[in-house]
C-alpha atoms as a PDB file:
ATOM      1  CA  UNK A   1      -1.467  -5.750   5.036  1.00  0.00           C
ATOM      2  CA  UNK A   2       1.174  -3.465   4.184  1.00  0.00           C
ATOM      3  CA  UNK A   3       2.610  -0.781   6.120  1.00  0.00           C
ATOM      4  CA  UNK A   4       1.649   2.847   5.885  1.00  0.00           C
ATOM      5  CA  UNK A   5       3.999   6.018   5.728  1.00  0.00           C
ATOM      6  CA  UNK A   6       2.572   8.997   8.197  1.00  0.00           C
ATOM      7  CA  UNK A   7       2.897  12.012   6.370  1.00  0.00           C
ATOM      8  CA  UNK A   8       2.571  15.486   7.368  1.00  0.00           C
ATOM      9  CA  UNK A   9       0.564  17.362   4.651  1.00  0.00           C
ATOM     10  CA  UNK A  10       0.427  20.969   5.084  1.00  0.00           C
ATOM     11  CA  UNK A  11      -2.587  22.114   1.916  1.00  0.00           C
ATOM     12  CA  UNK A  12      -4.717  25.628   2.287  1.00  0.00           C
ATOM     13  CA  UNK A  13      -7.728  25.595   4.218  1.00  0.00           C
ATOM     14  CA  UNK A  14     -10.195  26.048   0.532  1.00  0.00           C
ATOM     15  CA  UNK A  15      -8.207  22.699  -0.644  1.00  0.00           C
ATOM     16  CA  UNK A  16      -9.145  20.213   2.619  1.00  0.00           C
ATOM     17  CA  UNK A  17     -13.292  21.817   2.369  1.00  0.00           C
ATOM     18  CA  UNK A  18     -12.708  20.519  -1.240  1.00  0.00           C
ATOM     19  CA  UNK A  19     -11.114  17.536  -0.362  1.00  0.00           C
ATOM     20  CA  UNK A  20     -13.407  16.673   2.163  1.00  0.00           C
ATOM     21  CA  UNK A  21     -16.032  17.229   0.086  1.00  0.00           C
ATOM     22  CA  UNK A  22     -14.836  14.627  -2.811  1.00  0.00           C
ATOM     23  CA  UNK A  23     -14.697  12.286  -0.027  1.00  0.00           C
ATOM     24  CA  UNK A  24     -17.476  12.148   1.600  1.00  0.00           C
ATOM     25  CA  UNK A  25     -19.329  12.087  -2.769  1.00  0.00           C
ATOM     26  CA  UNK A  26     -16.943   9.095  -2.501  1.00  0.00           C
ATOM     27  CA  UNK A  27     -17.788   7.453   0.921  1.00  0.00           C
ATOM     28  CA  UNK A  28     -13.823   7.930   1.888  1.00  0.00           C
ATOM     29  CA  UNK A  29     -12.100   9.752   4.132  1.00  0.00           C
ATOM     30  CA  UNK A  30      -9.978  12.374   2.990  1.00  0.00           C
ATOM     31  CA  UNK A  31      -6.656  10.400   4.174  1.00  0.00           C
ATOM     32  CA  UNK A  32      -8.320   7.613   1.913  1.00  0.00           C
ATOM     33  CA  UNK A  33      -9.224  10.509  -0.878  1.00  0.00           C
ATOM     34  CA  UNK A  34      -5.660  11.968  -1.081  1.00  0.00           C
ATOM     35  CA  UNK A  35      -4.250   8.496  -0.945  1.00  0.00           C
ATOM     36  CA  UNK A  36      -6.933   7.090  -3.995  1.00  0.00           C
ATOM     37  CA  UNK A  37      -6.135  10.379  -5.927  1.00  0.00           C
ATOM     38  CA  UNK A  38      -2.443   9.907  -5.829  1.00  0.00           C
ATOM     39  CA  UNK A  39      -2.514   6.300  -7.206  1.00  0.00           C
ATOM     40  CA  UNK A  40      -4.527   7.658  -9.812  1.00  0.00           C
ATOM     41  CA  UNK A  41      -2.489  10.254 -11.008  1.00  0.00           C
ATOM     42  CA  UNK A  42       0.425   7.495 -11.239  1.00  0.00           C
ATOM     43  CA  UNK A  43      -0.741   5.767 -13.350  1.00  0.00           C
ATOM     44  CA  UNK A  44      -0.846   8.012 -15.186  1.00  0.00           C
ATOM     45  CA  UNK A  45       1.950   8.944 -15.394  1.00  0.00           C
ATOM     46  CA  UNK A  46       3.177   5.437 -15.728  1.00  0.00           C
ATOM     47  CA  UNK A  47       1.091   4.993 -19.314  1.00  0.00           C
ATOM     48  CA  UNK A  48       2.138   8.173 -20.719  1.00  0.00           C
ATOM     49  CA  UNK A  49       6.152   8.097 -20.079  1.00  0.00           C
ATOM     50  CA  UNK A  50       7.203   6.064 -22.858  1.00  0.00           C
ATOM     51  CA  UNK A  51       9.019   3.025 -22.801  1.00  0.00           C
ATOM     52  CA  UNK A  52      12.791   2.608 -22.118  1.00  0.00           C
ATOM     53  CA  UNK A  53      14.464   1.291 -25.690  1.00  0.00           C
ATOM     54  CA  UNK A  54      16.220  -2.520 -25.678  1.00  0.00           C
ATOM     55  CA  UNK A  55      19.745  -3.009 -25.722  1.00  0.00           C
ATOM     56  CA  UNK A  56      20.126  -3.162 -29.751  1.00  0.00           C
ATOM     57  CA  UNK A  57      20.778  -6.919 -30.118  1.00  0.00           C
ATOM     58  CA  UNK A  58      24.156  -7.260 -31.981  1.00  0.00           C
ATOM     59  CA  UNK A  59      23.136  -8.450 -35.138  1.00  0.00           C
ATOM     60  CA  UNK A  60      20.964  -5.281 -35.019  1.00  0.00           C
ATOM     61  CA  UNK A  61      24.555  -3.510 -34.029  1.00  0.00           C
ATOM     62  CA  UNK A  62      26.238  -4.665 -37.094  1.00  0.00           C
ATOM     63  CA  UNK A  63      28.724  -6.535 -34.839  1.00  0.00           C
ATOM     64  CA  UNK A  64      30.081  -9.699 -35.118  1.00  0.00           C
ATOM     65  CA  UNK A  65      27.781 -12.572 -33.963  1.00  0.00           C
ATOM     66  CA  UNK A  66      28.590 -15.638 -31.362  1.00  0.00           C
ATOM     67  CA  UNK A  67      27.469 -19.242 -32.801  1.00  0.00           C
ATOM     68  CA  UNK A  68      29.294 -22.644 -30.601  1.00  0.00           C
END
């Protein structure tokens, strides 16, 4: 299993309580719930972000083609 990176997260008590209830509903720890939500957000961001265009080929740019 991959090593996990520990870090400190400061959140409001209200948000903590909500996360705790949500995690309990889904049979996860609060830490597991936060990681799950972050993974979902990253996946959605990757889907929503347009892919950068690939560089045009010399033929598309109208430049000389190299044939040997």
